[in-house]
Amino acid sequence: MAGAHGGAGTSTLTTLLPAVWDMGSIAPLLELGRSPLRATGRPVVVAVRNTAVAAKDATAAIGALAEWDERVAALAIVSDGGPESPEATARFALLQSRVEGVVRVPYVRALRLVEDPGVVALPGKARQALDELRRMVGVASRRGR
């Protein structure tokens, strides 16, 4: 799991998908011209917020990962609680052909109120989004989440 930018929800998603590694934000490393991660064939999930600026960051991250021959299994678009702008939606639509799948992760207020996201009883849509991400990366589902 790599964030297209800081605050993309990477750490939260990694806690909720425990077999996934948290690579943090790759945005500061893009300027180095070398892959900040070596997935060695493992699927990569790029996490991004649902804003226009974040969609621009996702475009840069996915482009760099493609140049480094890394397979992007999923783009996880994490809601920040507000509506997705038409500009962000258009940018995400353009990215669909460059990744194997796109999953929109809904905003869950309770996740902002706890230190450990693993203790939150997630609503159905959030559980469905996590199950879809698990399917895309081949991670076994954890019941009860």
N, C-alpha and C. Protein backbone atom coordinates (compact mmCIF):
# COMPACT_ATOMS: atom_id res chain seq x y z
N MET A 1 0.86 -1.17 0.00
CA MET A 1 0.00 0.00 0.00
C MET A 1 0.90 1.22 0.00
N ALA A 2 0.75 2.04 -1.01
CA ALA A 2 1.52 3.26 -1.12
C ALA A 2 0.56 4.43 -1.27
N GLY A 3 0.84 5.49 -0.54
CA GLY A 3 0.02 6.69 -0.65
C GLY A 3 0.49 7.55 -1.81
N ALA A 4 -0.44 8.09 -2.56
CA ALA A 4 -0.10 9.01 -3.63
C ALA A 4 0.35 10.35 -3.05
N HIS A 5 0.01 10.58 -1.77
CA HIS A 5 0.33 11.82 -1.06
C HIS A 5 0.17 11.55 0.42
N GLY A 6 0.65 12.43 1.24
CA GLY A 6 0.46 12.31 2.68
C GLY A 6 -1.00 12.42 3.05
N GLY A 7 -1.45 11.68 4.05
CA GLY A 7 -2.84 11.75 4.49
C GLY A 7 -3.83 11.04 3.59
N ALA A 8 -3.34 10.12 2.77
CA ALA A 8 -4.21 9.41 1.83
C ALA A 8 -5.02 8.29 2.48
N GLY A 9 -4.69 7.94 3.71
CA GLY A 9 -5.39 6.84 4.37
C GLY A 9 -4.61 5.54 4.33
N THR A 10 -3.35 5.62 3.93
CA THR A 10 -2.52 4.44 3.78
C THR A 10 -2.40 3.64 5.07
N SER A 11 -2.08 4.30 6.17
CA SER A 11 -1.90 3.60 7.45
C SER A 11 -3.20 2.98 7.93
N THR A 12 -4.30 3.68 7.77
CA THR A 12 -5.60 3.14 8.18
C THR A 12 -5.95 1.91 7.36
N LEU A 13 -5.78 1.99 6.05
CA LEU A 13 -6.09 0.84 5.19
C LEU A 13 -5.18 -0.34 5.50
N THR A 14 -3.92 -0.06 5.79
CA THR A 14 -2.99 -1.14 6.12
C THR A 14 -3.40 -1.84 7.41
N THR A 15 -3.89 -1.09 8.37
CA THR A 15 -4.38 -1.70 9.62
C THR A 15 -5.59 -2.58 9.35
N LEU A 16 -6.45 -2.13 8.45
CA LEU A 16 -7.68 -2.87 8.15
C LEU A 16 -7.44 -4.04 7.18
N LEU A 17 -6.31 -4.02 6.50
CA LEU A 17 -5.90 -5.10 5.58
C LEU A 17 -4.55 -5.61 6.08
N PRO A 18 -4.52 -6.37 7.16
CA PRO A 18 -3.28 -6.65 7.87
C PRO A 18 -2.18 -7.37 7.09
N ALA A 19 -2.48 -8.02 6.01
CA ALA A 19 -1.42 -8.68 5.24
C ALA A 19 -0.73 -7.72 4.28
N VAL A 20 -1.15 -6.46 4.29
CA VAL A 20 -0.64 -5.45 3.37
C VAL A 20 0.44 -4.63 4.07
N TRP A 21 1.52 -4.30 3.38
CA TRP A 21 2.60 -3.48 3.93
C TRP A 21 2.30 -2.01 3.70
N ASP A 22 2.58 -1.19 4.71
CA ASP A 22 2.41 0.26 4.60
C ASP A 22 3.72 0.87 4.11
N MET A 23 3.71 1.32 2.86
CA MET A 23 4.90 1.94 2.27
C MET A 23 4.90 3.45 2.48
N GLY A 24 3.83 3.99 3.09
CA GLY A 24 3.74 5.43 3.29
C GLY A 24 3.53 6.17 1.97
N SER A 25 3.70 7.46 2.02
CA SER A 25 3.53 8.28 0.82
C SER A 25 4.77 8.19 -0.05
N ILE A 26 4.55 7.96 -1.33
CA ILE A 26 5.69 7.92 -2.26
C ILE A 26 5.91 9.27 -2.92
N ALA A 27 5.04 10.23 -2.65
CA ALA A 27 5.14 11.55 -3.30
C ALA A 27 6.51 12.19 -3.13
N PRO A 28 7.10 12.23 -1.93
CA PRO A 28 8.41 12.89 -1.80
C PRO A 28 9.53 12.16 -2.53
N LEU A 29 9.32 10.89 -2.83
CA LEU A 29 10.37 10.10 -3.46
C LEU A 29 10.32 10.12 -4.98
N LEU A 30 9.25 10.64 -5.55
CA LEU A 30 9.11 10.63 -7.00
C LEU A 30 10.20 11.43 -7.71
N GLU A 31 10.68 12.48 -7.07
CA GLU A 31 11.69 13.33 -7.70
C GLU A 31 13.07 12.66 -7.78
N LEU A 32 13.27 11.58 -7.05
CA LEU A 32 14.57 10.91 -7.04
C LEU A 32 14.84 10.14 -8.33
N GLY A 33 13.77 9.81 -9.07
CA GLY A 33 13.94 9.10 -10.33
C GLY A 33 14.19 7.61 -10.17
N ARG A 34 14.05 7.11 -8.97
CA ARG A 34 14.20 5.67 -8.72
C ARG A 34 12.98 5.20 -7.95
N SER A 35 12.65 3.96 -8.17
CA SER A 35 11.48 3.40 -7.48
C SER A 35 11.67 3.43 -5.98
N PRO A 36 10.74 4.04 -5.26
CA PRO A 36 10.83 4.06 -3.80
C PRO A 36 10.40 2.74 -3.18
N LEU A 37 9.93 1.83 -4.01
CA LEU A 37 9.54 0.52 -3.50
C LEU A 37 9.89 -0.54 -4.51
N ARG A 38 10.11 -1.71 -4.00
CA ARG A 38 10.40 -2.87 -4.85
C ARG A 38 9.36 -3.93 -4.49
N ALA A 39 8.31 -3.98 -5.27
CA ALA A 39 7.23 -4.92 -4.98
C ALA A 39 7.57 -6.34 -5.42
N THR A 40 8.55 -6.48 -6.28
CA THR A 40 9.00 -7.78 -6.80
C THR A 40 7.83 -8.71 -7.14
N GLY A 41 6.93 -8.17 -7.92
CA GLY A 41 5.81 -8.97 -8.40
C GLY A 41 4.57 -8.93 -7.53
N ARG A 42 4.70 -8.47 -6.30
CA ARG A 42 3.51 -8.36 -5.43
C ARG A 42 2.65 -7.19 -5.90
N PRO A 43 1.35 -7.31 -5.74
CA PRO A 43 0.46 -6.22 -6.18
C PRO A 43 0.63 -4.97 -5.31
N VAL A 44 0.53 -3.83 -5.95
CA VAL A 44 0.63 -2.55 -5.26
C VAL A 44 -0.75 -1.90 -5.27
N VAL A 45 -1.16 -1.36 -4.13
CA VAL A 45 -2.38 -0.57 -4.02
C VAL A 45 -1.94 0.87 -3.79
N VAL A 46 -2.47 1.79 -4.58
CA VAL A 46 -2.19 3.21 -4.39
C VAL A 46 -3.42 3.82 -3.73
N ALA A 47 -3.21 4.42 -2.54
CA ALA A 47 -4.29 5.08 -1.81
C ALA A 47 -4.24 6.57 -2.12
N VAL A 48 -5.43 7.17 -2.24
CA VAL A 48 -5.54 8.58 -2.59
C VAL A 48 -6.85 9.12 -2.02
N ARG A 49 -6.85 10.37 -1.59
CA ARG A 49 -8.10 11.01 -1.17
C ARG A 49 -8.92 11.35 -2.42
N ASN A 50 -10.17 11.72 -2.21
CA ASN A 50 -11.08 11.94 -3.34
C ASN A 50 -11.16 13.39 -3.78
N THR A 51 -10.03 14.08 -3.78
CA THR A 51 -10.01 15.49 -4.19
C THR A 51 -9.28 15.64 -5.53
N ALA A 52 -9.47 16.78 -6.17
CA ALA A 52 -8.82 17.03 -7.47
C ALA A 52 -7.30 17.07 -7.33
N VAL A 53 -6.80 17.72 -6.29
CA VAL A 53 -5.35 17.79 -6.07
C VAL A 53 -4.80 16.38 -5.84
N ALA A 54 -5.51 15.58 -5.05
CA ALA A 54 -5.07 14.21 -4.78
C ALA A 54 -5.09 13.37 -6.06
N ALA A 55 -6.08 13.60 -6.91
CA ALA A 55 -6.15 12.86 -8.18
C ALA A 55 -4.94 13.18 -9.05
N LYS A 56 -4.48 14.42 -9.01
CA LYS A 56 -3.27 14.80 -9.74
C LYS A 56 -2.06 14.05 -9.17
N ASP A 57 -1.98 13.95 -7.85
CA ASP A 57 -0.90 13.20 -7.20
C ASP A 57 -0.96 11.72 -7.58
N ALA A 58 -2.16 11.17 -7.65
CA ALA A 58 -2.32 9.76 -8.03
C ALA A 58 -1.84 9.53 -9.45
N THR A 59 -2.11 10.48 -10.33
CA THR A 59 -1.65 10.37 -11.72
C THR A 59 -0.13 10.30 -11.76
N ALA A 60 0.54 11.16 -10.99
CA ALA A 60 2.01 11.15 -10.95
C ALA A 60 2.53 9.84 -10.36
N ALA A 61 1.92 9.38 -9.26
CA ALA A 61 2.38 8.16 -8.60
C ALA A 61 2.21 6.94 -9.51
N ILE A 62 1.06 6.83 -10.15
CA ILE A 62 0.79 5.68 -11.01
C ILE A 62 1.69 5.72 -12.24
N GLY A 63 1.94 6.91 -12.78
CA GLY A 63 2.86 7.04 -13.90
C GLY A 63 4.27 6.59 -13.53
N ALA A 64 4.74 7.02 -12.36
CA ALA A 64 6.08 6.63 -11.90
C ALA A 64 6.16 5.13 -11.65
N LEU A 65 5.16 4.58 -11.01
CA LEU A 65 5.16 3.13 -10.75
C LEU A 65 5.19 2.35 -12.05
N ALA A 66 4.46 2.82 -13.06
CA ALA A 66 4.46 2.15 -14.37
C ALA A 66 5.85 2.20 -15.00
N GLU A 67 6.50 3.35 -14.88
CA GLU A 67 7.86 3.49 -15.42
C GLU A 67 8.83 2.53 -14.73
N TRP A 68 8.58 2.24 -13.47
CA TRP A 68 9.44 1.35 -12.69
C TRP A 68 8.98 -0.10 -12.77
N ASP A 69 8.06 -0.38 -13.72
CA ASP A 69 7.54 -1.74 -13.95
C ASP A 69 6.87 -2.35 -12.73
N GLU A 70 6.21 -1.52 -11.95
CA GLU A 70 5.45 -2.02 -10.80
C GLU A 70 3.98 -2.15 -11.21
N ARG A 71 3.37 -3.25 -10.81
CA ARG A 71 1.98 -3.54 -11.13
C ARG A 71 1.07 -2.88 -10.09
N VAL A 72 0.18 -2.02 -10.55
CA VAL A 72 -0.78 -1.38 -9.64
C VAL A 72 -2.08 -2.18 -9.71
N ALA A 73 -2.32 -2.95 -8.65
CA ALA A 73 -3.49 -3.82 -8.61
C ALA A 73 -4.76 -3.02 -8.36
N ALA A 74 -4.64 -1.94 -7.59
CA ALA A 74 -5.85 -1.18 -7.26
C ALA A 74 -5.51 0.26 -6.92
N LEU A 75 -6.43 1.13 -7.26
CA LEU A 75 -6.42 2.51 -6.81
C LEU A 75 -7.54 2.61 -5.78
N ALA A 76 -7.16 2.87 -4.53
CA ALA A 76 -8.14 3.00 -3.44
C ALA A 76 -8.41 4.49 -3.23
N ILE A 77 -9.59 4.93 -3.64
CA ILE A 77 -9.98 6.33 -3.52
C ILE A 77 -10.73 6.48 -2.20
N VAL A 78 -10.07 7.13 -1.23
CA VAL A 78 -10.59 7.22 0.14
C VAL A 78 -11.32 8.54 0.32
N SER A 79 -12.60 8.46 0.65
CA SER A 79 -13.40 9.67 0.82
C SER A 79 -12.95 10.44 2.05
N ASP A 80 -12.93 11.77 1.93
CA ASP A 80 -12.60 12.61 3.08
C ASP A 80 -13.88 13.16 3.72
N GLY A 81 -15.01 12.63 3.32
CA GLY A 81 -16.29 13.06 3.90
C GLY A 81 -17.05 14.03 3.02
N GLY A 82 -16.36 14.69 2.12
CA GLY A 82 -17.01 15.62 1.21
C GLY A 82 -17.27 14.98 -0.14
N PRO A 83 -18.02 15.66 -0.97
CA PRO A 83 -18.31 15.10 -2.30
C PRO A 83 -17.07 15.14 -3.19
N GLU A 84 -16.99 14.21 -4.10
CA GLU A 84 -15.90 14.18 -5.08
C GLU A 84 -16.21 15.20 -6.17
N SER A 85 -15.26 16.06 -6.46
CA SER A 85 -15.49 17.09 -7.48
C SER A 85 -15.52 16.46 -8.87
N PRO A 86 -16.20 17.11 -9.81
CA PRO A 86 -16.20 16.61 -11.19
C PRO A 86 -14.79 16.47 -11.77
N GLU A 87 -13.90 17.40 -11.42
CA GLU A 87 -12.52 17.34 -11.90
C GLU A 87 -11.81 16.08 -11.36
N ALA A 88 -12.01 15.79 -10.08
CA ALA A 88 -11.40 14.58 -9.51
C ALA A 88 -11.97 13.33 -10.17
N THR A 89 -13.28 13.29 -10.33
CA THR A 89 -13.93 12.15 -10.97
C THR A 89 -13.38 11.92 -12.37
N ALA A 90 -13.19 13.00 -13.13
CA ALA A 90 -12.66 12.88 -14.49
C ALA A 90 -11.23 12.35 -14.47
N ARG A 91 -10.41 12.84 -13.55
CA ARG A 91 -9.02 12.36 -13.47
C ARG A 91 -8.98 10.89 -13.06
N PHE A 92 -9.82 10.51 -12.11
CA PHE A 92 -9.84 9.11 -11.69
C PHE A 92 -10.31 8.21 -12.84
N ALA A 93 -11.26 8.70 -13.63
CA ALA A 93 -11.73 7.91 -14.78
C ALA A 93 -10.60 7.67 -15.77
N LEU A 94 -9.75 8.66 -15.97
CA LEU A 94 -8.61 8.49 -16.87
C LEU A 94 -7.60 7.48 -16.33
N LEU A 95 -7.53 7.34 -15.02
CA LEU A 95 -6.58 6.40 -14.41
C LEU A 95 -7.07 4.95 -14.46
N GLN A 96 -8.36 4.74 -14.67
CA GLN A 96 -8.91 3.38 -14.65
C GLN A 96 -8.20 2.43 -15.61
N SER A 97 -7.79 2.91 -16.74
CA SER A 97 -7.12 2.03 -17.71
C SER A 97 -5.67 1.74 -17.34
N ARG A 98 -5.14 2.45 -16.36
CA ARG A 98 -3.74 2.28 -15.97
C ARG A 98 -3.56 1.43 -14.72
N VAL A 99 -4.67 1.03 -14.11
CA VAL A 99 -4.63 0.17 -12.92
C VAL A 99 -5.57 -1.01 -13.16
N GLU A 100 -5.41 -2.04 -12.36
CA GLU A 100 -6.25 -3.22 -12.55
C GLU A 100 -7.65 -3.06 -11.98
N GLY A 101 -7.82 -2.13 -11.06
CA GLY A 101 -9.14 -1.91 -10.49
C GLY A 101 -9.18 -0.64 -9.67
N VAL A 102 -10.37 -0.10 -9.49
CA VAL A 102 -10.58 1.11 -8.69
C VAL A 102 -11.63 0.78 -7.63
N VAL A 103 -11.32 1.14 -6.38
CA VAL A 103 -12.25 0.92 -5.28
C VAL A 103 -12.43 2.25 -4.55
N ARG A 104 -13.67 2.65 -4.36
CA ARG A 104 -13.96 3.86 -3.59
C ARG A 104 -14.26 3.43 -2.16
N VAL A 105 -13.46 3.94 -1.24
CA VAL A 105 -13.60 3.62 0.18
C VAL A 105 -14.38 4.75 0.83
N PRO A 106 -15.56 4.46 1.39
CA PRO A 106 -16.38 5.53 1.95
C PRO A 106 -15.79 6.13 3.23
N TYR A 107 -16.21 7.35 3.51
CA TYR A 107 -15.82 8.03 4.74
C TYR A 107 -16.46 7.32 5.93
N VAL A 108 -15.66 7.05 6.96
CA VAL A 108 -16.16 6.44 8.19
C VAL A 108 -15.70 7.32 9.34
N ARG A 109 -16.60 8.11 9.86
CA ARG A 109 -16.26 9.08 10.91
C ARG A 109 -15.57 8.43 12.10
N ALA A 110 -16.01 7.26 12.49
CA ALA A 110 -15.46 6.59 13.67
C ALA A 110 -13.96 6.34 13.55
N LEU A 111 -13.46 6.21 12.34
CA LEU A 111 -12.02 5.96 12.15
C LEU A 111 -11.18 7.16 12.58
N ARG A 112 -11.78 8.35 12.58
CA ARG A 112 -11.05 9.54 13.01
C ARG A 112 -11.02 9.68 14.53
N LEU A 113 -11.81 8.88 15.23
CA LEU A 113 -11.96 9.05 16.67
C LEU A 113 -11.18 8.04 17.50
N VAL A 114 -10.46 7.14 16.85
CA VAL A 114 -9.75 6.08 17.58
C VAL A 114 -8.28 6.03 17.15
N GLU A 115 -7.45 5.50 18.04
CA GLU A 115 -6.05 5.29 17.69
C GLU A 115 -5.86 4.05 16.84
N ASP A 116 -6.67 3.02 17.12
CA ASP A 116 -6.55 1.75 16.41
C ASP A 116 -7.78 1.55 15.51
N PRO A 117 -7.62 1.73 14.20
CA PRO A 117 -8.76 1.54 13.29
C PRO A 117 -9.34 0.13 13.35
N GLY A 118 -8.56 -0.82 13.82
CA GLY A 118 -9.02 -2.19 13.89
C GLY A 118 -10.15 -2.43 14.88
N VAL A 119 -10.39 -1.49 15.79
CA VAL A 119 -11.45 -1.67 16.78
C VAL A 119 -12.80 -1.14 16.31
N VAL A 120 -12.82 -0.49 15.17
CA VAL A 120 -14.05 0.12 14.66
C VAL A 120 -14.92 -0.92 13.95
N ALA A 121 -16.20 -0.95 14.31
CA ALA A 121 -17.17 -1.78 13.59
C ALA A 121 -17.54 -1.00 12.32
N LEU A 122 -17.06 -1.48 11.21
CA LEU A 122 -17.25 -0.76 9.95
C LEU A 122 -18.64 -0.96 9.38
N PRO A 123 -19.21 0.08 8.76
CA PRO A 123 -20.50 -0.07 8.08
C PRO A 123 -20.33 -0.96 6.84
N GLY A 124 -21.44 -1.46 6.35
CA GLY A 124 -21.44 -2.40 5.23
C GLY A 124 -20.68 -1.94 4.00
N LYS A 125 -20.86 -0.68 3.58
CA LYS A 125 -20.17 -0.22 2.37
C LYS A 125 -18.66 -0.20 2.55
N ALA A 126 -18.19 0.13 3.75
CA ALA A 126 -16.76 0.12 4.01
C ALA A 126 -16.23 -1.32 4.00
N ARG A 127 -16.97 -2.24 4.61
CA ARG A 127 -16.56 -3.66 4.58
C ARG A 127 -16.51 -4.18 3.15
N GLN A 128 -17.48 -3.78 2.33
CA GLN A 128 -17.49 -4.20 0.92
C GLN A 128 -16.28 -3.66 0.18
N ALA A 129 -15.91 -2.41 0.45
CA ALA A 129 -14.74 -1.82 -0.21
C ALA A 129 -13.47 -2.57 0.19
N LEU A 130 -13.34 -2.89 1.47
CA LEU A 130 -12.17 -3.64 1.93
C LEU A 130 -12.14 -5.05 1.34
N ASP A 131 -13.29 -5.68 1.25
CA ASP A 131 -13.35 -7.02 0.63
C ASP A 131 -12.92 -6.96 -0.83
N GLU A 132 -13.32 -5.90 -1.52
CA GLU A 132 -12.93 -5.74 -2.93
C GLU A 132 -11.41 -5.54 -3.04
N LEU A 133 -10.84 -4.74 -2.15
CA LEU A 133 -9.39 -4.56 -2.15
C LEU A 133 -8.68 -5.89 -1.85
N ARG A 134 -9.19 -6.63 -0.88
CA ARG A 134 -8.60 -7.95 -0.57
C ARG A 134 -8.63 -8.86 -1.79
N ARG A 135 -9.74 -8.85 -2.49
CA ARG A 135 -9.86 -9.69 -3.68
C ARG A 135 -8.83 -9.28 -4.74
N MET A 136 -8.66 -7.99 -4.91
CA MET A 136 -7.74 -7.49 -5.93
C MET A 136 -6.28 -7.83 -5.63
N VAL A 137 -5.94 -7.89 -4.36
CA VAL A 137 -4.55 -8.18 -4.02
C VAL A 137 -4.35 -9.62 -3.53
N GLY A 138 -5.44 -10.39 -3.49
CA GLY A 138 -5.32 -11.79 -3.10
C GLY A 138 -5.12 -12.02 -1.62
N VAL A 139 -5.66 -11.15 -0.78
CA VAL A 139 -5.54 -11.30 0.67
C VAL A 139 -6.81 -11.94 1.21
N ALA A 140 -6.67 -12.93 2.05
CA ALA A 140 -7.83 -13.59 2.66
C ALA A 140 -8.62 -12.61 3.51
N SER A 141 -9.92 -12.71 3.45
CA SER A 141 -10.80 -11.83 4.20
C SER A 141 -10.77 -12.16 5.68
N ARG A 142 -10.82 -11.12 6.52
CA ARG A 142 -10.93 -11.32 7.96
C ARG A 142 -12.39 -11.13 8.33
N ARG A 143 -13.01 -12.15 8.84
CA ARG A 143 -14.43 -12.08 9.23
C ARG A 143 -14.61 -11.12 10.40
N GLY A 144 -15.78 -10.48 10.44
CA GLY A 144 -16.12 -9.60 11.55
C GLY A 144 -15.68 -8.16 11.36
N ARG A 145 -14.96 -7.87 10.32
CA ARG A 145 -14.53 -6.49 10.08
C ARG A 145 -15.42 -5.86 9.06
